[in-house]
Amino acid sequence: MPLITTPRTIIDVLTVDDAQALQHYYVSNKEHLAPWEPVRDDDYFSLINMQQLIAQGIEGFAQKSNFRFVAFTPDRNTIIGCANFTGVMRGVFQACFLGYSIDKQFEGQGYMTEILDGTIQYMFEHEKLHRIMASYMPKNKASARVLEKCQFEEEGYARQYLKIAGCWEDHVMTARLNPNFE
């Protein structure tokens, strides 16, 4: 499993020992993340579910189908944010989808851009992907800025693309291509 360091973070793949830290991240950011995520019932926030999510992340990494990274403060005491590269498709496509979130106390300070720069570099260099796709709701201006800073380019607009916070939401479709893909 990789360990990625950036100037202000340590980015790692969680182990089951990290379940309480992940639970704390999601519980303390429940309201902050709710407008941008699917509706979550109380079971989602349980320690058992966090352990299952981590186990699925480890399995996905081993199978090279999903890469779920978590960024910590340098002392590894606090989760700053998550970057998930899911639905990895090989063959003629060599692509995946990107999703991410950040703790409310770290928002607006450049952390998400830093985390994505490190994880995208890993996905391009180590996983040899050609394309990473990300979408955002038009009203999520912060996400639009992060993707722009990370060199994602707008490719389209999808009506009623994902059910977020209980409503079908339109999304702006973006992608970043690997400039060194061979």
N, C-alpha and C. Protein backbone atom coordinates (compact mmCIF):
# COMPACT_ATOMS: atom_id res chain seq x y z
N MET A 1 0.85 -1.18 0.00
CA MET A 1 0.00 0.00 0.00
C MET A 1 0.89 1.25 0.00
N PRO A 2 0.51 2.24 -0.76
CA PRO A 2 1.35 3.43 -0.86
C PRO A 2 1.20 4.33 0.36
N LEU A 3 2.21 5.10 0.59
CA LEU A 3 2.15 6.19 1.55
C LEU A 3 2.61 7.42 0.78
N ILE A 4 1.71 8.37 0.62
CA ILE A 4 2.00 9.57 -0.16
C ILE A 4 2.14 10.72 0.83
N THR A 5 3.19 11.50 0.67
CA THR A 5 3.35 12.67 1.52
C THR A 5 3.27 13.92 0.66
N THR A 6 2.63 14.93 1.21
CA THR A 6 2.57 16.24 0.57
C THR A 6 3.12 17.22 1.61
N PRO A 7 3.29 18.47 1.28
CA PRO A 7 3.84 19.41 2.27
C PRO A 7 3.09 19.45 3.60
N ARG A 8 1.75 19.22 3.58
CA ARG A 8 0.99 19.33 4.83
C ARG A 8 0.21 18.09 5.21
N THR A 9 0.36 16.99 4.45
CA THR A 9 -0.45 15.81 4.74
C THR A 9 0.35 14.53 4.59
N ILE A 10 -0.21 13.48 5.16
CA ILE A 10 0.21 12.11 4.91
C ILE A 10 -1.03 11.41 4.35
N ILE A 11 -0.90 10.84 3.17
CA ILE A 11 -2.03 10.20 2.50
C ILE A 11 -1.79 8.70 2.50
N ASP A 12 -2.78 7.96 2.97
CA ASP A 12 -2.60 6.54 3.19
C ASP A 12 -3.88 5.80 2.82
N VAL A 13 -3.79 4.48 2.78
CA VAL A 13 -4.94 3.61 2.65
C VAL A 13 -5.24 3.10 4.05
N LEU A 14 -6.48 3.22 4.48
CA LEU A 14 -6.84 2.87 5.86
C LEU A 14 -6.74 1.37 6.12
N THR A 15 -6.48 1.05 7.38
CA THR A 15 -6.59 -0.32 7.87
C THR A 15 -7.73 -0.35 8.87
N VAL A 16 -8.14 -1.54 9.28
CA VAL A 16 -9.26 -1.64 10.22
C VAL A 16 -8.96 -0.91 11.53
N ASP A 17 -7.70 -0.72 11.85
CA ASP A 17 -7.34 0.04 13.06
C ASP A 17 -7.76 1.51 12.97
N ASP A 18 -8.04 1.97 11.76
CA ASP A 18 -8.42 3.37 11.54
C ASP A 18 -9.94 3.59 11.55
N ALA A 19 -10.70 2.57 11.88
CA ALA A 19 -12.16 2.67 11.78
C ALA A 19 -12.73 3.78 12.66
N GLN A 20 -12.23 3.95 13.86
CA GLN A 20 -12.76 5.01 14.72
C GLN A 20 -12.43 6.40 14.17
N ALA A 21 -11.25 6.56 13.60
CA ALA A 21 -10.88 7.85 13.00
C ALA A 21 -11.80 8.16 11.83
N LEU A 22 -12.10 7.16 11.00
CA LEU A 22 -12.99 7.36 9.87
C LEU A 22 -14.41 7.68 10.36
N GLN A 23 -14.85 6.97 11.38
CA GLN A 23 -16.17 7.25 11.95
C GLN A 23 -16.24 8.68 12.47
N HIS A 24 -15.22 9.11 13.18
CA HIS A 24 -15.18 10.48 13.69
C HIS A 24 -15.26 11.49 12.54
N TYR A 25 -14.52 11.23 11.47
CA TYR A 25 -14.54 12.12 10.30
C TYR A 25 -15.96 12.27 9.76
N TYR A 26 -16.64 11.15 9.53
CA TYR A 26 -17.98 11.21 8.93
C TYR A 26 -19.03 11.76 9.90
N VAL A 27 -18.95 11.40 11.16
CA VAL A 27 -19.93 11.90 12.14
C VAL A 27 -19.76 13.41 12.34
N SER A 28 -18.51 13.85 12.50
CA SER A 28 -18.29 15.28 12.76
C SER A 28 -18.55 16.15 11.52
N ASN A 29 -18.57 15.54 10.34
CA ASN A 29 -18.82 16.28 9.10
C ASN A 29 -20.16 15.93 8.47
N LYS A 30 -21.03 15.30 9.24
CA LYS A 30 -22.32 14.84 8.72
C LYS A 30 -23.09 15.97 8.04
N GLU A 31 -23.28 17.08 8.71
CA GLU A 31 -24.04 18.20 8.15
C GLU A 31 -23.26 18.89 7.03
N HIS A 32 -21.96 19.00 7.20
CA HIS A 32 -21.09 19.66 6.21
C HIS A 32 -21.13 18.94 4.87
N LEU A 33 -21.12 17.60 4.88
CA LEU A 33 -21.06 16.82 3.65
C LEU A 33 -22.45 16.49 3.08
N ALA A 34 -23.49 16.60 3.90
CA ALA A 34 -24.84 16.18 3.49
C ALA A 34 -25.32 16.80 2.17
N PRO A 35 -25.08 18.07 1.88
CA PRO A 35 -25.57 18.63 0.62
C PRO A 35 -24.90 18.05 -0.63
N TRP A 36 -23.79 17.34 -0.45
CA TRP A 36 -22.99 16.88 -1.59
C TRP A 36 -22.94 15.37 -1.72
N GLU A 37 -23.65 14.65 -0.86
CA GLU A 37 -23.59 13.20 -0.84
C GLU A 37 -24.99 12.59 -0.88
N PRO A 38 -25.07 11.29 -1.16
CA PRO A 38 -26.36 10.61 -1.06
C PRO A 38 -26.90 10.70 0.38
N VAL A 39 -28.19 10.51 0.54
CA VAL A 39 -28.77 10.46 1.88
C VAL A 39 -28.16 9.27 2.62
N ARG A 40 -27.72 9.51 3.82
CA ARG A 40 -27.10 8.45 4.64
C ARG A 40 -27.98 8.18 5.86
N ASP A 41 -28.30 6.89 6.10
CA ASP A 41 -29.03 6.57 7.32
C ASP A 41 -28.05 6.41 8.48
N ASP A 42 -28.57 6.26 9.68
CA ASP A 42 -27.71 6.18 10.87
C ASP A 42 -26.74 5.00 10.81
N ASP A 43 -27.14 3.91 10.17
CA ASP A 43 -26.26 2.74 10.07
C ASP A 43 -24.98 3.06 9.32
N TYR A 44 -25.06 3.98 8.38
CA TYR A 44 -23.86 4.35 7.61
C TYR A 44 -22.75 4.82 8.54
N PHE A 45 -23.09 5.53 9.59
CA PHE A 45 -22.12 6.14 10.49
C PHE A 45 -21.65 5.21 11.61
N SER A 46 -22.10 3.97 11.60
CA SER A 46 -21.73 3.01 12.65
C SER A 46 -20.28 2.55 12.48
N LEU A 47 -19.69 2.14 13.57
CA LEU A 47 -18.32 1.63 13.55
C LEU A 47 -18.22 0.38 12.68
N ILE A 48 -19.23 -0.45 12.74
CA ILE A 48 -19.24 -1.68 11.92
C ILE A 48 -19.20 -1.32 10.44
N ASN A 49 -19.99 -0.33 10.03
CA ASN A 49 -19.98 0.08 8.63
C ASN A 49 -18.64 0.67 8.24
N MET A 50 -18.03 1.45 9.13
CA MET A 50 -16.71 2.01 8.82
C MET A 50 -15.69 0.89 8.61
N GLN A 51 -15.76 -0.16 9.44
CA GLN A 51 -14.87 -1.31 9.27
C GLN A 51 -15.12 -1.98 7.92
N GLN A 52 -16.38 -2.09 7.53
CA GLN A 52 -16.72 -2.69 6.23
C GLN A 52 -16.23 -1.83 5.08
N LEU A 53 -16.38 -0.52 5.19
CA LEU A 53 -15.89 0.38 4.14
C LEU A 53 -14.38 0.26 3.98
N ILE A 54 -13.69 0.17 5.10
CA ILE A 54 -12.23 0.02 5.06
C ILE A 54 -11.86 -1.32 4.43
N ALA A 55 -12.54 -2.38 4.82
CA ALA A 55 -12.26 -3.71 4.25
C ALA A 55 -12.50 -3.70 2.74
N GLN A 56 -13.58 -3.06 2.31
CA GLN A 56 -13.85 -2.94 0.87
C GLN A 56 -12.76 -2.13 0.17
N GLY A 57 -12.26 -1.11 0.84
CA GLY A 57 -11.18 -0.30 0.28
C GLY A 57 -9.91 -1.10 0.11
N ILE A 58 -9.58 -1.91 1.09
CA ILE A 58 -8.39 -2.76 1.01
C ILE A 58 -8.54 -3.77 -0.13
N GLU A 59 -9.71 -4.37 -0.22
CA GLU A 59 -9.98 -5.35 -1.29
C GLU A 59 -9.94 -4.68 -2.66
N GLY A 60 -10.53 -3.50 -2.78
CA GLY A 60 -10.52 -2.77 -4.04
C GLY A 60 -9.11 -2.41 -4.47
N PHE A 61 -8.28 -2.04 -3.50
CA PHE A 61 -6.89 -1.71 -3.81
C PHE A 61 -6.16 -2.96 -4.30
N ALA A 62 -6.36 -4.08 -3.62
CA ALA A 62 -5.70 -5.33 -4.01
C ALA A 62 -6.13 -5.76 -5.41
N GLN A 63 -7.38 -5.54 -5.74
CA GLN A 63 -7.91 -5.92 -7.05
C GLN A 63 -7.67 -4.84 -8.11
N LYS A 64 -7.14 -3.70 -7.69
CA LYS A 64 -6.88 -2.56 -8.58
C LYS A 64 -8.15 -2.06 -9.27
N SER A 65 -9.26 -2.11 -8.52
CA SER A 65 -10.54 -1.65 -9.06
C SER A 65 -11.02 -0.35 -8.41
N ASN A 66 -10.61 -0.11 -7.18
CA ASN A 66 -10.97 1.09 -6.44
C ASN A 66 -9.80 1.47 -5.55
N PHE A 67 -9.48 2.74 -5.50
CA PHE A 67 -8.37 3.23 -4.69
C PHE A 67 -8.91 4.32 -3.78
N ARG A 68 -9.00 4.00 -2.50
CA ARG A 68 -9.59 4.93 -1.54
C ARG A 68 -8.48 5.44 -0.62
N PHE A 69 -8.14 6.71 -0.80
CA PHE A 69 -7.07 7.34 -0.04
C PHE A 69 -7.66 8.26 1.02
N VAL A 70 -6.97 8.33 2.16
CA VAL A 70 -7.37 9.23 3.23
C VAL A 70 -6.15 10.07 3.61
N ALA A 71 -6.35 11.37 3.69
CA ALA A 71 -5.27 12.30 4.05
C ALA A 71 -5.38 12.65 5.53
N PHE A 72 -4.24 12.54 6.20
CA PHE A 72 -4.14 12.84 7.63
C PHE A 72 -3.26 14.08 7.83
N THR A 73 -3.40 14.68 9.01
CA THR A 73 -2.43 15.68 9.44
C THR A 73 -1.09 14.93 9.63
N PRO A 74 0.04 15.64 9.59
CA PRO A 74 1.34 14.96 9.68
C PRO A 74 1.51 14.08 10.92
N ASP A 75 0.83 14.40 12.03
CA ASP A 75 0.92 13.57 13.22
C ASP A 75 -0.02 12.35 13.14
N ARG A 76 -0.77 12.25 12.05
CA ARG A 76 -1.71 11.17 11.77
C ARG A 76 -2.83 11.07 12.81
N ASN A 77 -3.14 12.18 13.46
CA ASN A 77 -4.20 12.20 14.47
C ASN A 77 -5.56 12.62 13.92
N THR A 78 -5.59 13.34 12.80
CA THR A 78 -6.83 13.87 12.29
C THR A 78 -6.94 13.61 10.79
N ILE A 79 -8.10 13.13 10.36
CA ILE A 79 -8.36 12.98 8.93
C ILE A 79 -8.73 14.35 8.36
N ILE A 80 -8.03 14.75 7.32
CA ILE A 80 -8.29 16.02 6.65
C ILE A 80 -9.33 15.83 5.55
N GLY A 81 -9.18 14.76 4.77
CA GLY A 81 -10.09 14.54 3.67
C GLY A 81 -9.86 13.19 3.02
N CYS A 82 -10.71 12.89 2.05
CA CYS A 82 -10.68 11.60 1.34
C CYS A 82 -10.66 11.86 -0.16
N ALA A 83 -9.95 11.00 -0.88
CA ALA A 83 -9.93 11.02 -2.34
C ALA A 83 -10.13 9.59 -2.82
N ASN A 84 -11.21 9.36 -3.52
CA ASN A 84 -11.56 8.00 -3.96
C ASN A 84 -11.55 7.93 -5.48
N PHE A 85 -10.78 6.99 -5.99
CA PHE A 85 -10.69 6.72 -7.42
C PHE A 85 -11.40 5.39 -7.63
N THR A 86 -12.60 5.43 -8.17
CA THR A 86 -13.45 4.25 -8.23
C THR A 86 -13.80 3.88 -9.66
N GLY A 87 -14.33 2.66 -9.79
CA GLY A 87 -14.77 2.20 -11.11
C GLY A 87 -13.64 2.14 -12.11
N VAL A 88 -12.46 1.74 -11.67
CA VAL A 88 -11.31 1.69 -12.56
C VAL A 88 -11.60 0.73 -13.72
N MET A 89 -11.43 1.24 -14.92
CA MET A 89 -11.66 0.45 -16.14
C MET A 89 -10.34 0.36 -16.89
N ARG A 90 -9.97 -0.84 -17.23
CA ARG A 90 -8.70 -1.07 -17.94
C ARG A 90 -8.99 -1.27 -19.43
N GLY A 91 -8.17 -2.01 -20.09
CA GLY A 91 -8.37 -2.24 -21.52
C GLY A 91 -8.14 -0.98 -22.32
N VAL A 92 -9.02 -0.72 -23.26
CA VAL A 92 -8.85 0.43 -24.15
C VAL A 92 -9.20 1.76 -23.47
N PHE A 93 -9.78 1.73 -22.26
CA PHE A 93 -10.23 2.95 -21.60
C PHE A 93 -9.18 3.50 -20.62
N GLN A 94 -8.67 2.67 -19.73
CA GLN A 94 -7.66 3.08 -18.73
C GLN A 94 -8.10 4.34 -17.98
N ALA A 95 -9.26 4.25 -17.32
CA ALA A 95 -9.84 5.44 -16.70
C ALA A 95 -10.53 5.09 -15.38
N CYS A 96 -10.90 6.12 -14.63
CA CYS A 96 -11.66 5.94 -13.40
C CYS A 96 -12.43 7.21 -13.09
N PHE A 97 -13.24 7.12 -12.03
CA PHE A 97 -14.00 8.26 -11.52
C PHE A 97 -13.35 8.74 -10.22
N LEU A 98 -13.37 10.03 -10.00
CA LEU A 98 -12.82 10.63 -8.79
C LEU A 98 -13.95 11.24 -7.96
N GLY A 99 -13.92 10.95 -6.67
CA GLY A 99 -14.80 11.59 -5.70
C GLY A 99 -13.95 12.02 -4.52
N TYR A 100 -14.37 13.05 -3.82
CA TYR A 100 -13.54 13.54 -2.72
C TYR A 100 -14.39 14.30 -1.71
N SER A 101 -13.83 14.44 -0.52
CA SER A 101 -14.48 15.23 0.52
C SER A 101 -13.40 15.77 1.45
N ILE A 102 -13.76 16.83 2.17
CA ILE A 102 -12.81 17.45 3.09
C ILE A 102 -13.51 17.82 4.39
N ASP A 103 -12.79 17.68 5.48
CA ASP A 103 -13.30 18.08 6.80
C ASP A 103 -13.57 19.58 6.79
N LYS A 104 -14.66 19.96 7.41
CA LYS A 104 -15.07 21.38 7.39
C LYS A 104 -14.00 22.31 7.95
N GLN A 105 -13.19 21.84 8.91
CA GLN A 105 -12.18 22.73 9.50
C GLN A 105 -10.98 22.97 8.58
N PHE A 106 -10.86 22.19 7.50
CA PHE A 106 -9.74 22.35 6.57
C PHE A 106 -10.17 22.94 5.23
N GLU A 107 -11.46 23.19 5.09
CA GLU A 107 -12.00 23.70 3.84
C GLU A 107 -11.48 25.12 3.55
N GLY A 108 -11.24 25.40 2.26
CA GLY A 108 -10.85 26.74 1.83
C GLY A 108 -9.40 27.10 2.11
N GLN A 109 -8.56 26.11 2.40
CA GLN A 109 -7.16 26.37 2.73
C GLN A 109 -6.19 25.70 1.75
N GLY A 110 -6.72 25.17 0.64
CA GLY A 110 -5.87 24.53 -0.36
C GLY A 110 -5.54 23.08 -0.10
N TYR A 111 -6.07 22.51 0.96
CA TYR A 111 -5.76 21.11 1.28
C TYR A 111 -6.27 20.13 0.22
N MET A 112 -7.50 20.36 -0.27
CA MET A 112 -8.06 19.39 -1.22
C MET A 112 -7.24 19.37 -2.50
N THR A 113 -6.82 20.54 -2.96
CA THR A 113 -5.97 20.59 -4.15
C THR A 113 -4.66 19.84 -3.91
N GLU A 114 -4.08 20.04 -2.76
CA GLU A 114 -2.82 19.35 -2.38
C GLU A 114 -3.02 17.84 -2.34
N ILE A 115 -4.12 17.40 -1.75
CA ILE A 115 -4.42 15.96 -1.65
C ILE A 115 -4.64 15.37 -3.04
N LEU A 116 -5.41 16.06 -3.86
CA LEU A 116 -5.68 15.55 -5.20
C LEU A 116 -4.43 15.56 -6.06
N ASP A 117 -3.59 16.57 -5.95
CA ASP A 117 -2.34 16.57 -6.71
C ASP A 117 -1.52 15.32 -6.41
N GLY A 118 -1.40 14.99 -5.13
CA GLY A 118 -0.61 13.81 -4.74
C GLY A 118 -1.23 12.50 -5.19
N THR A 119 -2.54 12.37 -5.04
CA THR A 119 -3.19 11.11 -5.39
C THR A 119 -3.33 10.94 -6.90
N ILE A 120 -3.58 12.02 -7.61
CA ILE A 120 -3.65 11.93 -9.07
C ILE A 120 -2.29 11.54 -9.64
N GLN A 121 -1.25 12.12 -9.11
CA GLN A 121 0.10 11.75 -9.56
C GLN A 121 0.32 10.25 -9.35
N TYR A 122 -0.10 9.73 -8.19
CA TYR A 122 0.03 8.30 -7.94
C TYR A 122 -0.74 7.49 -8.98
N MET A 123 -1.98 7.87 -9.23
CA MET A 123 -2.81 7.11 -10.18
C MET A 123 -2.24 7.15 -11.60
N PHE A 124 -1.68 8.27 -12.00
CA PHE A 124 -1.08 8.36 -13.33
C PHE A 124 0.24 7.59 -13.40
N GLU A 125 1.09 7.77 -12.41
CA GLU A 125 2.42 7.16 -12.47
C GLU A 125 2.43 5.67 -12.12
N HIS A 126 1.69 5.28 -11.09
CA HIS A 126 1.76 3.90 -10.61
C HIS A 126 0.67 3.00 -11.20
N GLU A 127 -0.50 3.57 -11.42
CA GLU A 127 -1.60 2.77 -11.97
C GLU A 127 -1.73 2.94 -13.48
N LYS A 128 -0.95 3.85 -14.03
CA LYS A 128 -0.87 4.04 -15.48
C LYS A 128 -2.22 4.34 -16.13
N LEU A 129 -3.03 5.14 -15.44
CA LEU A 129 -4.31 5.51 -16.03
C LEU A 129 -4.13 6.63 -17.05
N HIS A 130 -5.00 6.64 -18.03
CA HIS A 130 -4.98 7.65 -19.07
C HIS A 130 -5.91 8.82 -18.74
N ARG A 131 -7.02 8.53 -18.05
CA ARG A 131 -8.07 9.53 -17.83
C ARG A 131 -8.64 9.37 -16.43
N ILE A 132 -8.85 10.50 -15.76
CA ILE A 132 -9.57 10.54 -14.49
C ILE A 132 -10.74 11.49 -14.69
N MET A 133 -11.94 11.01 -14.40
CA MET A 133 -13.16 11.80 -14.60
C MET A 133 -13.75 12.22 -13.26
N ALA A 134 -14.23 13.43 -13.19
CA ALA A 134 -14.87 13.95 -11.98
C ALA A 134 -16.05 14.81 -12.38
N SER A 135 -17.07 14.81 -11.55
CA SER A 135 -18.22 15.66 -11.81
C SER A 135 -18.55 16.46 -10.55
N TYR A 136 -19.23 17.58 -10.76
CA TYR A 136 -19.65 18.39 -9.62
C TYR A 136 -20.97 19.06 -9.95
N MET A 137 -21.72 19.34 -8.90
CA MET A 137 -22.98 20.05 -9.07
C MET A 137 -22.67 21.52 -9.38
N PRO A 138 -23.38 22.14 -10.33
CA PRO A 138 -23.08 23.52 -10.69
C PRO A 138 -23.06 24.49 -9.50
N LYS A 139 -23.86 24.24 -8.48
CA LYS A 139 -23.88 25.14 -7.32
C LYS A 139 -22.69 24.95 -6.39
N ASN A 140 -21.89 23.91 -6.62
CA ASN A 140 -20.72 23.65 -5.77
C ASN A 140 -19.50 24.36 -6.35
N LYS A 141 -19.43 25.65 -6.11
CA LYS A 141 -18.36 26.48 -6.66
C LYS A 141 -16.99 26.09 -6.12
N ALA A 142 -16.93 25.65 -4.86
CA ALA A 142 -15.64 25.25 -4.28
C ALA A 142 -15.08 24.04 -5.02
N SER A 143 -15.93 23.07 -5.32
CA SER A 143 -15.48 21.89 -6.05
C SER A 143 -15.05 22.26 -7.46
N ALA A 144 -15.75 23.15 -8.10
CA ALA A 144 -15.37 23.61 -9.44
C ALA A 144 -13.97 24.22 -9.41
N ARG A 145 -13.69 25.04 -8.39
CA ARG A 145 -12.36 25.67 -8.27
C ARG A 145 -11.27 24.63 -8.04
N VAL A 146 -11.54 23.65 -7.18
CA VAL A 146 -10.54 22.61 -6.91
C VAL A 146 -10.21 21.86 -8.19
N LEU A 147 -11.22 21.44 -8.92
CA LEU A 147 -10.96 20.68 -10.15
C LEU A 147 -10.22 21.53 -11.18
N GLU A 148 -10.56 22.81 -11.27
CA GLU A 148 -9.85 23.69 -12.19
C GLU A 148 -8.38 23.80 -11.80
N LYS A 149 -8.10 23.98 -10.51
CA LYS A 149 -6.72 24.06 -10.04
C LYS A 149 -5.96 22.76 -10.32
N CYS A 150 -6.68 21.65 -10.31
CA CYS A 150 -6.06 20.34 -10.56
C CYS A 150 -6.05 19.98 -12.04
N GLN A 151 -6.30 20.95 -12.89
CA GLN A 151 -6.19 20.83 -14.35
C GLN A 151 -7.24 19.91 -14.99
N PHE A 152 -8.41 19.83 -14.37
CA PHE A 152 -9.52 19.12 -15.00
C PHE A 152 -10.18 20.06 -15.99
N GLU A 153 -10.63 19.53 -17.10
CA GLU A 153 -11.28 20.33 -18.12
C GLU A 153 -12.73 19.90 -18.26
N GLU A 154 -13.59 20.89 -18.43
CA GLU A 154 -15.02 20.59 -18.60
C GLU A 154 -15.25 19.88 -19.92
N GLU A 155 -16.06 18.81 -19.85
CA GLU A 155 -16.36 18.03 -21.05
C GLU A 155 -17.85 17.94 -21.36
N GLY A 156 -18.68 18.34 -20.43
CA GLY A 156 -20.10 18.26 -20.71
C GLY A 156 -20.96 18.54 -19.49
N TYR A 157 -22.24 18.30 -19.68
CA TYR A 157 -23.23 18.57 -18.64
C TYR A 157 -24.21 17.41 -18.63
N ALA A 158 -24.39 16.81 -17.47
CA ALA A 158 -25.30 15.66 -17.34
C ALA A 158 -26.51 16.06 -16.50
N ARG A 159 -27.68 15.97 -17.09
CA ARG A 159 -28.92 16.32 -16.37
C ARG A 159 -29.30 15.16 -15.46
N GLN A 160 -29.74 15.52 -14.25
CA GLN A 160 -30.20 14.54 -13.25
C GLN A 160 -29.25 13.35 -13.18
N TYR A 161 -27.98 13.62 -13.01
CA TYR A 161 -26.91 12.62 -13.08
C TYR A 161 -26.83 11.73 -11.85
N LEU A 162 -26.87 12.33 -10.66
CA LEU A 162 -26.76 11.56 -9.42
C LEU A 162 -27.82 12.01 -8.42
N LYS A 163 -28.27 11.08 -7.58
CA LYS A 163 -29.23 11.41 -6.54
C LYS A 163 -28.45 11.84 -5.29
N ILE A 164 -28.42 13.12 -5.07
CA ILE A 164 -27.65 13.72 -3.98
C ILE A 164 -28.61 14.39 -3.01
N ALA A 165 -28.42 14.12 -1.72
CA ALA A 165 -29.28 14.70 -0.67
C ALA A 165 -30.76 14.49 -0.99
N GLY A 166 -31.06 13.35 -1.61
CA GLY A 166 -32.45 12.99 -1.89
C GLY A 166 -33.03 13.53 -3.18
N CYS A 167 -32.26 14.30 -3.95
CA CYS A 167 -32.76 14.88 -5.20
C CYS A 167 -31.82 14.53 -6.36
N TRP A 168 -32.42 14.33 -7.53
CA TRP A 168 -31.61 14.11 -8.72
C TRP A 168 -30.98 15.44 -9.10
N GLU A 169 -29.65 15.47 -9.16
CA GLU A 169 -28.92 16.71 -9.39
C GLU A 169 -28.17 16.67 -10.72
N ASP A 170 -28.20 17.80 -11.44
CA ASP A 170 -27.38 17.96 -12.63
C ASP A 170 -25.91 18.04 -12.20
N HIS A 171 -25.01 17.63 -13.09
CA HIS A 171 -23.57 17.70 -12.82
C HIS A 171 -22.81 18.18 -14.04
N VAL A 172 -21.76 18.92 -13.77
CA VAL A 172 -20.80 19.30 -14.80
C VAL A 172 -19.77 18.17 -14.87
N MET A 173 -19.52 17.68 -16.07
CA MET A 173 -18.60 16.56 -16.27
C MET A 173 -17.22 17.12 -16.63
N THR A 174 -16.19 16.64 -15.94
CA THR A 174 -14.83 17.07 -16.22
C THR A 174 -13.92 15.85 -16.31
N ALA A 175 -12.73 16.08 -16.84
CA ALA A 175 -11.72 15.01 -16.90
C ALA A 175 -10.34 15.63 -16.95
N ARG A 176 -9.39 14.84 -16.51
CA ARG A 176 -7.98 15.18 -16.65
C ARG A 176 -7.30 14.01 -17.31
N LEU A 177 -6.49 14.31 -18.33
CA LEU A 177 -5.77 13.27 -19.04
C LEU A 177 -4.33 13.22 -18.55
N ASN A 178 -3.77 12.03 -18.57
CA ASN A 178 -2.38 11.81 -18.18
C ASN A 178 -1.48 12.31 -19.31
N PRO A 179 -0.71 13.38 -19.07
CA PRO A 179 0.11 13.92 -20.15
C PRO A 179 1.28 13.01 -20.53
N ASN A 180 1.59 12.06 -19.66
CA ASN A 180 2.72 11.15 -19.91
C ASN A 180 2.28 9.73 -20.22
N PHE A 181 1.03 9.57 -20.61
CA PHE A 181 0.52 8.23 -20.89
C PHE A 181 1.19 7.67 -22.14
N GLU A 182 1.63 6.43 -22.01
CA GLU A 182 2.27 5.75 -23.15
C GLU A 182 1.41 4.61 -23.62
